[in-house]
Amino acid sequence: MTKKPQAKVQKASGTGIATDRQPWPYVEVQWHDATSESQWKSSDNLPNVSAIITRGWLVRQTKRCITVAGSVGAIDEKPDGEIASLDVGEIITIPRGCVIDIFELKVVRTPKRRVTLN
């Protein structure tokens, strides 16, 4: 059995980070998810895997999985200037075998403008 090469984070062109002093890259992960159905199906009409795109902060990488967070708590600085541990939310852990590609995104900030909600 041939081992699938593991996806590596591909750097965005240019410079910039997603938030001021955030310690993780902001990424887009393209991956395949399992699909299941509970009804009877013809064998020529079976479901396929779902192609998924997830964006967020790449907060953990291990040999077996990656974890992406959609929200990051306020960044606190320790007295020595180091970043304290952060709280993260809206997390998803994806097995590396499901990952197709990971791209680091360059986030460009525009001047603040209030958004009106409908």
N, C-alpha and C. Protein backbone atom coordinates (compact mmCIF):
# COMPACT_ATOMS: atom_id res chain seq x y z
N MET A 1 0.84 -1.18 0.00
CA MET A 1 0.00 0.00 0.00
C MET A 1 0.88 1.24 0.00
N THR A 2 0.63 2.15 -0.92
CA THR A 2 1.40 3.38 -1.01
C THR A 2 0.89 4.37 0.01
N LYS A 3 1.81 4.96 0.75
CA LYS A 3 1.43 5.95 1.77
C LYS A 3 1.17 7.29 1.10
N LYS A 4 0.02 7.90 1.44
CA LYS A 4 -0.34 9.21 0.89
C LYS A 4 0.54 10.28 1.52
N PRO A 5 1.14 11.18 0.71
CA PRO A 5 1.93 12.25 1.31
C PRO A 5 1.04 13.17 2.14
N GLN A 6 1.57 13.62 3.28
CA GLN A 6 0.78 14.49 4.14
C GLN A 6 0.81 15.92 3.62
N ALA A 7 -0.34 16.57 3.72
CA ALA A 7 -0.44 17.96 3.28
C ALA A 7 0.38 18.85 4.18
N LYS A 8 1.08 19.77 3.61
CA LYS A 8 1.87 20.75 4.35
C LYS A 8 1.20 22.12 4.17
N VAL A 9 1.39 23.00 5.12
CA VAL A 9 0.84 24.34 5.01
C VAL A 9 1.60 25.07 3.90
N GLN A 10 0.87 25.57 2.93
CA GLN A 10 1.47 26.35 1.86
C GLN A 10 1.32 27.82 2.20
N LYS A 11 2.44 28.53 2.22
CA LYS A 11 2.45 29.92 2.65
C LYS A 11 1.73 30.82 1.64
N ALA A 12 1.09 31.84 2.18
CA ALA A 12 0.45 32.84 1.34
C ALA A 12 1.52 33.72 0.73
N SER A 13 1.19 34.29 -0.41
CA SER A 13 2.14 35.23 -0.99
C SER A 13 2.04 36.55 -0.23
N GLY A 14 3.12 37.26 -0.14
CA GLY A 14 3.13 38.53 0.58
C GLY A 14 3.32 38.31 2.06
N THR A 15 3.15 39.39 2.81
CA THR A 15 3.33 39.29 4.25
C THR A 15 2.04 39.68 4.93
N GLY A 16 2.00 39.47 6.20
CA GLY A 16 0.82 39.85 6.96
C GLY A 16 0.36 38.69 7.81
N ILE A 17 -0.33 39.00 8.89
CA ILE A 17 -0.88 37.98 9.75
C ILE A 17 -2.36 38.27 9.93
N ALA A 18 -3.08 37.26 10.38
CA ALA A 18 -4.53 37.39 10.46
C ALA A 18 -4.98 38.37 11.53
N THR A 19 -4.33 38.36 12.67
CA THR A 19 -4.67 39.31 13.72
C THR A 19 -3.38 39.81 14.32
N ASP A 20 -3.44 40.94 14.97
CA ASP A 20 -2.24 41.46 15.61
C ASP A 20 -1.74 40.48 16.65
N ARG A 21 -0.51 40.05 16.55
CA ARG A 21 0.18 39.20 17.51
C ARG A 21 -0.43 37.83 17.69
N GLN A 22 -1.26 37.36 16.76
CA GLN A 22 -1.80 36.01 16.91
C GLN A 22 -0.70 35.01 16.60
N PRO A 23 -0.63 33.91 17.35
CA PRO A 23 0.49 32.99 17.21
C PRO A 23 0.32 31.90 16.15
N TRP A 24 -0.82 31.84 15.49
CA TRP A 24 -1.06 30.76 14.54
C TRP A 24 -1.34 31.28 13.15
N PRO A 25 -1.06 30.46 12.12
CA PRO A 25 -1.42 30.87 10.76
C PRO A 25 -2.93 30.75 10.55
N TYR A 26 -3.47 31.65 9.75
CA TYR A 26 -4.87 31.59 9.34
C TYR A 26 -4.89 30.79 8.05
N VAL A 27 -5.67 29.71 8.01
CA VAL A 27 -5.56 28.77 6.90
C VAL A 27 -6.91 28.42 6.29
N GLU A 28 -6.82 27.88 5.09
CA GLU A 28 -7.95 27.22 4.44
C GLU A 28 -7.56 25.75 4.31
N VAL A 29 -8.39 24.87 4.84
CA VAL A 29 -8.14 23.43 4.76
C VAL A 29 -9.16 22.83 3.82
N GLN A 30 -8.68 22.15 2.79
CA GLN A 30 -9.55 21.42 1.88
C GLN A 30 -9.45 19.96 2.27
N TRP A 31 -10.59 19.33 2.57
CA TRP A 31 -10.56 17.96 3.07
C TRP A 31 -11.80 17.20 2.68
N HIS A 32 -11.73 15.89 2.81
CA HIS A 32 -12.86 15.02 2.51
C HIS A 32 -13.46 14.52 3.82
N ASP A 33 -14.79 14.55 3.89
CA ASP A 33 -15.50 14.07 5.06
C ASP A 33 -16.34 12.86 4.66
N ALA A 34 -16.59 12.00 5.62
CA ALA A 34 -17.43 10.83 5.38
C ALA A 34 -18.87 11.27 5.13
N THR A 35 -19.58 10.49 4.35
CA THR A 35 -20.99 10.73 4.08
C THR A 35 -21.75 9.45 4.41
N SER A 36 -22.86 9.59 5.08
CA SER A 36 -23.66 8.39 5.37
C SER A 36 -25.13 8.70 5.10
N GLU A 37 -25.86 7.66 4.78
CA GLU A 37 -27.30 7.76 4.56
C GLU A 37 -27.95 6.53 5.18
N SER A 38 -29.13 6.68 5.70
CA SER A 38 -29.76 5.56 6.39
C SER A 38 -30.86 4.88 5.57
N GLN A 39 -31.12 5.36 4.38
CA GLN A 39 -32.17 4.73 3.57
C GLN A 39 -31.55 3.72 2.60
N TRP A 40 -32.38 2.86 2.06
CA TRP A 40 -31.94 1.89 1.06
C TRP A 40 -31.59 2.61 -0.23
N LYS A 41 -30.48 2.17 -0.86
CA LYS A 41 -30.02 2.78 -2.10
C LYS A 41 -29.68 1.69 -3.10
N SER A 42 -29.82 2.01 -4.35
CA SER A 42 -29.33 1.13 -5.41
C SER A 42 -27.81 1.17 -5.38
N SER A 43 -27.17 0.05 -5.66
CA SER A 43 -25.70 0.00 -5.61
C SER A 43 -25.05 0.89 -6.66
N ASP A 44 -25.80 1.34 -7.66
CA ASP A 44 -25.22 2.27 -8.65
C ASP A 44 -25.52 3.72 -8.30
N ASN A 45 -26.09 3.96 -7.12
CA ASN A 45 -26.42 5.32 -6.69
C ASN A 45 -25.96 5.55 -5.24
N LEU A 46 -24.73 5.14 -4.94
CA LEU A 46 -24.21 5.26 -3.57
C LEU A 46 -23.62 6.64 -3.33
N PRO A 47 -23.67 7.12 -2.08
CA PRO A 47 -23.10 8.44 -1.79
C PRO A 47 -21.58 8.44 -1.93
N ASN A 48 -21.04 9.59 -2.18
CA ASN A 48 -19.60 9.78 -2.27
C ASN A 48 -19.14 10.58 -1.05
N VAL A 49 -17.84 10.75 -0.89
CA VAL A 49 -17.35 11.59 0.19
C VAL A 49 -17.72 13.04 -0.09
N SER A 50 -17.80 13.84 0.95
CA SER A 50 -18.10 15.27 0.80
C SER A 50 -16.81 16.06 0.76
N ALA A 51 -16.69 16.97 -0.20
CA ALA A 51 -15.55 17.88 -0.27
C ALA A 51 -15.87 19.08 0.61
N ILE A 52 -14.99 19.36 1.58
CA ILE A 52 -15.23 20.40 2.57
C ILE A 52 -14.11 21.43 2.50
N ILE A 53 -14.45 22.69 2.74
CA ILE A 53 -13.46 23.76 2.91
C ILE A 53 -13.71 24.38 4.28
N THR A 54 -12.67 24.39 5.12
CA THR A 54 -12.74 24.97 6.45
C THR A 54 -11.68 26.05 6.56
N ARG A 55 -12.06 27.21 7.11
CA ARG A 55 -11.10 28.29 7.32
C ARG A 55 -11.05 28.65 8.80
N GLY A 56 -9.84 28.97 9.26
CA GLY A 56 -9.66 29.37 10.65
C GLY A 56 -8.19 29.33 11.03
N TRP A 57 -7.93 29.42 12.33
CA TRP A 57 -6.55 29.42 12.82
C TRP A 57 -6.10 27.98 13.03
N LEU A 58 -4.96 27.63 12.49
CA LEU A 58 -4.39 26.30 12.64
C LEU A 58 -3.71 26.25 14.01
N VAL A 59 -4.43 25.72 15.01
CA VAL A 59 -3.96 25.81 16.39
C VAL A 59 -3.19 24.57 16.86
N ARG A 60 -3.28 23.47 16.11
CA ARG A 60 -2.53 22.28 16.50
C ARG A 60 -2.27 21.41 15.28
N GLN A 61 -1.07 20.83 15.24
CA GLN A 61 -0.70 19.86 14.22
C GLN A 61 -0.01 18.68 14.90
N THR A 62 -0.50 17.48 14.67
CA THR A 62 0.17 16.28 15.14
C THR A 62 0.36 15.36 13.93
N LYS A 63 0.99 14.22 14.15
CA LYS A 63 1.16 13.27 13.05
C LYS A 63 -0.17 12.72 12.57
N ARG A 64 -1.17 12.69 13.47
CA ARG A 64 -2.45 12.07 13.14
C ARG A 64 -3.54 13.05 12.72
N CYS A 65 -3.45 14.32 13.18
CA CYS A 65 -4.55 15.24 12.92
C CYS A 65 -4.10 16.69 12.95
N ILE A 66 -5.00 17.56 12.48
CA ILE A 66 -4.82 19.01 12.64
C ILE A 66 -6.07 19.54 13.32
N THR A 67 -5.93 20.67 14.02
CA THR A 67 -7.08 21.31 14.66
C THR A 67 -7.15 22.76 14.21
N VAL A 68 -8.33 23.16 13.75
CA VAL A 68 -8.58 24.52 13.27
C VAL A 68 -9.64 25.14 14.18
N ALA A 69 -9.40 26.39 14.59
CA ALA A 69 -10.34 27.13 15.43
C ALA A 69 -10.91 28.30 14.65
N GLY A 70 -12.22 28.48 14.75
CA GLY A 70 -12.88 29.60 14.08
C GLY A 70 -12.83 30.89 14.86
N SER A 71 -12.64 30.78 16.18
CA SER A 71 -12.58 31.97 17.03
C SER A 71 -11.40 31.84 18.00
N VAL A 72 -10.77 32.98 18.26
CA VAL A 72 -9.64 33.04 19.19
C VAL A 72 -9.97 34.09 20.24
N GLY A 73 -9.75 33.74 21.52
CA GLY A 73 -10.01 34.69 22.59
C GLY A 73 -9.04 35.86 22.52
N ALA A 74 -9.33 36.88 23.28
CA ALA A 74 -8.46 38.07 23.32
C ALA A 74 -7.04 37.65 23.66
N ILE A 75 -6.08 38.26 23.01
CA ILE A 75 -4.69 37.90 23.21
C ILE A 75 -4.12 38.72 24.36
N ASP A 76 -3.68 38.02 25.39
CA ASP A 76 -3.08 38.67 26.56
C ASP A 76 -1.57 38.50 26.50
N GLU A 77 -0.89 39.51 26.95
CA GLU A 77 0.57 39.46 27.00
C GLU A 77 1.03 39.29 28.43
N LYS A 78 2.03 38.43 28.62
CA LYS A 78 2.65 38.28 29.93
C LYS A 78 3.56 39.49 30.16
N PRO A 79 3.97 39.75 31.42
CA PRO A 79 4.85 40.90 31.69
C PRO A 79 6.15 40.87 30.88
N ASP A 80 6.63 39.67 30.54
CA ASP A 80 7.89 39.59 29.79
C ASP A 80 7.69 39.74 28.27
N GLY A 81 6.45 40.02 27.84
CA GLY A 81 6.18 40.23 26.42
C GLY A 81 5.73 38.99 25.67
N GLU A 82 5.80 37.82 26.32
CA GLU A 82 5.34 36.60 25.66
C GLU A 82 3.82 36.58 25.63
N ILE A 83 3.29 35.82 24.68
CA ILE A 83 1.84 35.69 24.58
C ILE A 83 1.38 34.61 25.54
N ALA A 84 0.37 34.92 26.34
CA ALA A 84 -0.18 33.93 27.28
C ALA A 84 -0.99 32.90 26.49
N SER A 85 -1.34 31.81 27.12
CA SER A 85 -2.16 30.81 26.44
C SER A 85 -3.50 31.45 26.08
N LEU A 86 -4.07 30.96 25.01
CA LEU A 86 -5.29 31.56 24.47
C LEU A 86 -6.44 30.57 24.50
N ASP A 87 -7.64 31.07 24.63
CA ASP A 87 -8.82 30.23 24.49
C ASP A 87 -9.24 30.25 23.03
N VAL A 88 -9.69 29.10 22.54
CA VAL A 88 -10.15 29.00 21.17
C VAL A 88 -11.54 28.37 21.16
N GLY A 89 -12.31 28.69 20.16
CA GLY A 89 -13.66 28.15 20.04
C GLY A 89 -13.97 27.73 18.62
N GLU A 90 -15.12 27.09 18.47
CA GLU A 90 -15.55 26.61 17.16
C GLU A 90 -14.45 25.77 16.53
N ILE A 91 -13.98 24.77 17.27
CA ILE A 91 -12.84 23.97 16.82
C ILE A 91 -13.29 22.73 16.07
N ILE A 92 -12.47 22.31 15.14
CA ILE A 92 -12.67 21.05 14.43
C ILE A 92 -11.31 20.37 14.32
N THR A 93 -11.29 19.09 14.64
CA THR A 93 -10.08 18.30 14.49
C THR A 93 -10.29 17.35 13.32
N ILE A 94 -9.38 17.41 12.36
CA ILE A 94 -9.51 16.67 11.11
C ILE A 94 -8.36 15.67 11.01
N PRO A 95 -8.65 14.39 10.78
CA PRO A 95 -7.57 13.42 10.58
C PRO A 95 -6.74 13.80 9.35
N ARG A 96 -5.42 13.68 9.45
CA ARG A 96 -4.55 14.06 8.33
C ARG A 96 -4.85 13.28 7.06
N GLY A 97 -5.30 12.05 7.20
CA GLY A 97 -5.62 11.25 6.03
C GLY A 97 -6.78 11.81 5.22
N CYS A 98 -7.59 12.68 5.81
CA CYS A 98 -8.72 13.30 5.12
C CYS A 98 -8.34 14.62 4.45
N VAL A 99 -7.18 15.18 4.84
CA VAL A 99 -6.77 16.50 4.34
C VAL A 99 -6.22 16.38 2.92
N ILE A 100 -6.75 17.20 2.03
CA ILE A 100 -6.26 17.27 0.66
C ILE A 100 -5.17 18.31 0.55
N ASP A 101 -5.43 19.52 1.08
CA ASP A 101 -4.48 20.62 1.01
C ASP A 101 -4.73 21.61 2.13
N ILE A 102 -3.67 22.32 2.51
CA ILE A 102 -3.77 23.39 3.50
C ILE A 102 -3.06 24.60 2.93
N PHE A 103 -3.75 25.73 2.89
CA PHE A 103 -3.17 26.97 2.38
C PHE A 103 -3.20 28.02 3.47
N GLU A 104 -2.08 28.70 3.70
CA GLU A 104 -2.10 29.83 4.62
C GLU A 104 -2.68 31.01 3.87
N LEU A 105 -3.62 31.70 4.49
CA LEU A 105 -4.29 32.83 3.85
C LEU A 105 -3.70 34.14 4.36
N LYS A 106 -3.61 35.09 3.47
CA LYS A 106 -3.19 36.43 3.84
C LYS A 106 -4.46 37.23 4.08
N VAL A 107 -4.60 37.75 5.27
CA VAL A 107 -5.79 38.53 5.62
C VAL A 107 -5.42 40.00 5.55
N VAL A 108 -6.14 40.73 4.74
CA VAL A 108 -5.89 42.16 4.57
C VAL A 108 -6.95 42.92 5.34
N ARG A 109 -6.50 43.79 6.19
CA ARG A 109 -7.45 44.60 6.97
C ARG A 109 -7.75 45.89 6.24
N THR A 110 -9.01 46.24 6.26
CA THR A 110 -9.43 47.52 5.69
C THR A 110 -9.81 48.43 6.86
N PRO A 111 -9.93 49.74 6.61
CA PRO A 111 -10.34 50.62 7.70
C PRO A 111 -11.67 50.13 8.29
N LYS A 112 -11.82 50.30 9.60
CA LYS A 112 -13.05 49.84 10.25
C LYS A 112 -14.26 50.54 9.67
N ARG A 113 -15.27 49.75 9.43
CA ARG A 113 -16.53 50.26 8.89
C ARG A 113 -17.66 49.47 9.54
N ARG A 114 -18.59 50.16 10.12
CA ARG A 114 -19.71 49.48 10.80
C ARG A 114 -20.54 48.75 9.76
N VAL A 115 -20.88 47.49 10.09
CA VAL A 115 -21.73 46.69 9.22
C VAL A 115 -23.14 46.73 9.77
N THR A 116 -24.11 47.03 8.94
CA THR A 116 -25.50 47.08 9.36
C THR A 116 -26.11 45.71 9.10
N LEU A 117 -26.70 45.14 10.16
CA LEU A 117 -27.35 43.84 10.02
C LEU A 117 -28.82 44.04 9.68
N ASN A 118 -29.33 43.18 8.84
CA ASN A 118 -30.74 43.24 8.44
C ASN A 118 -31.63 42.70 9.51
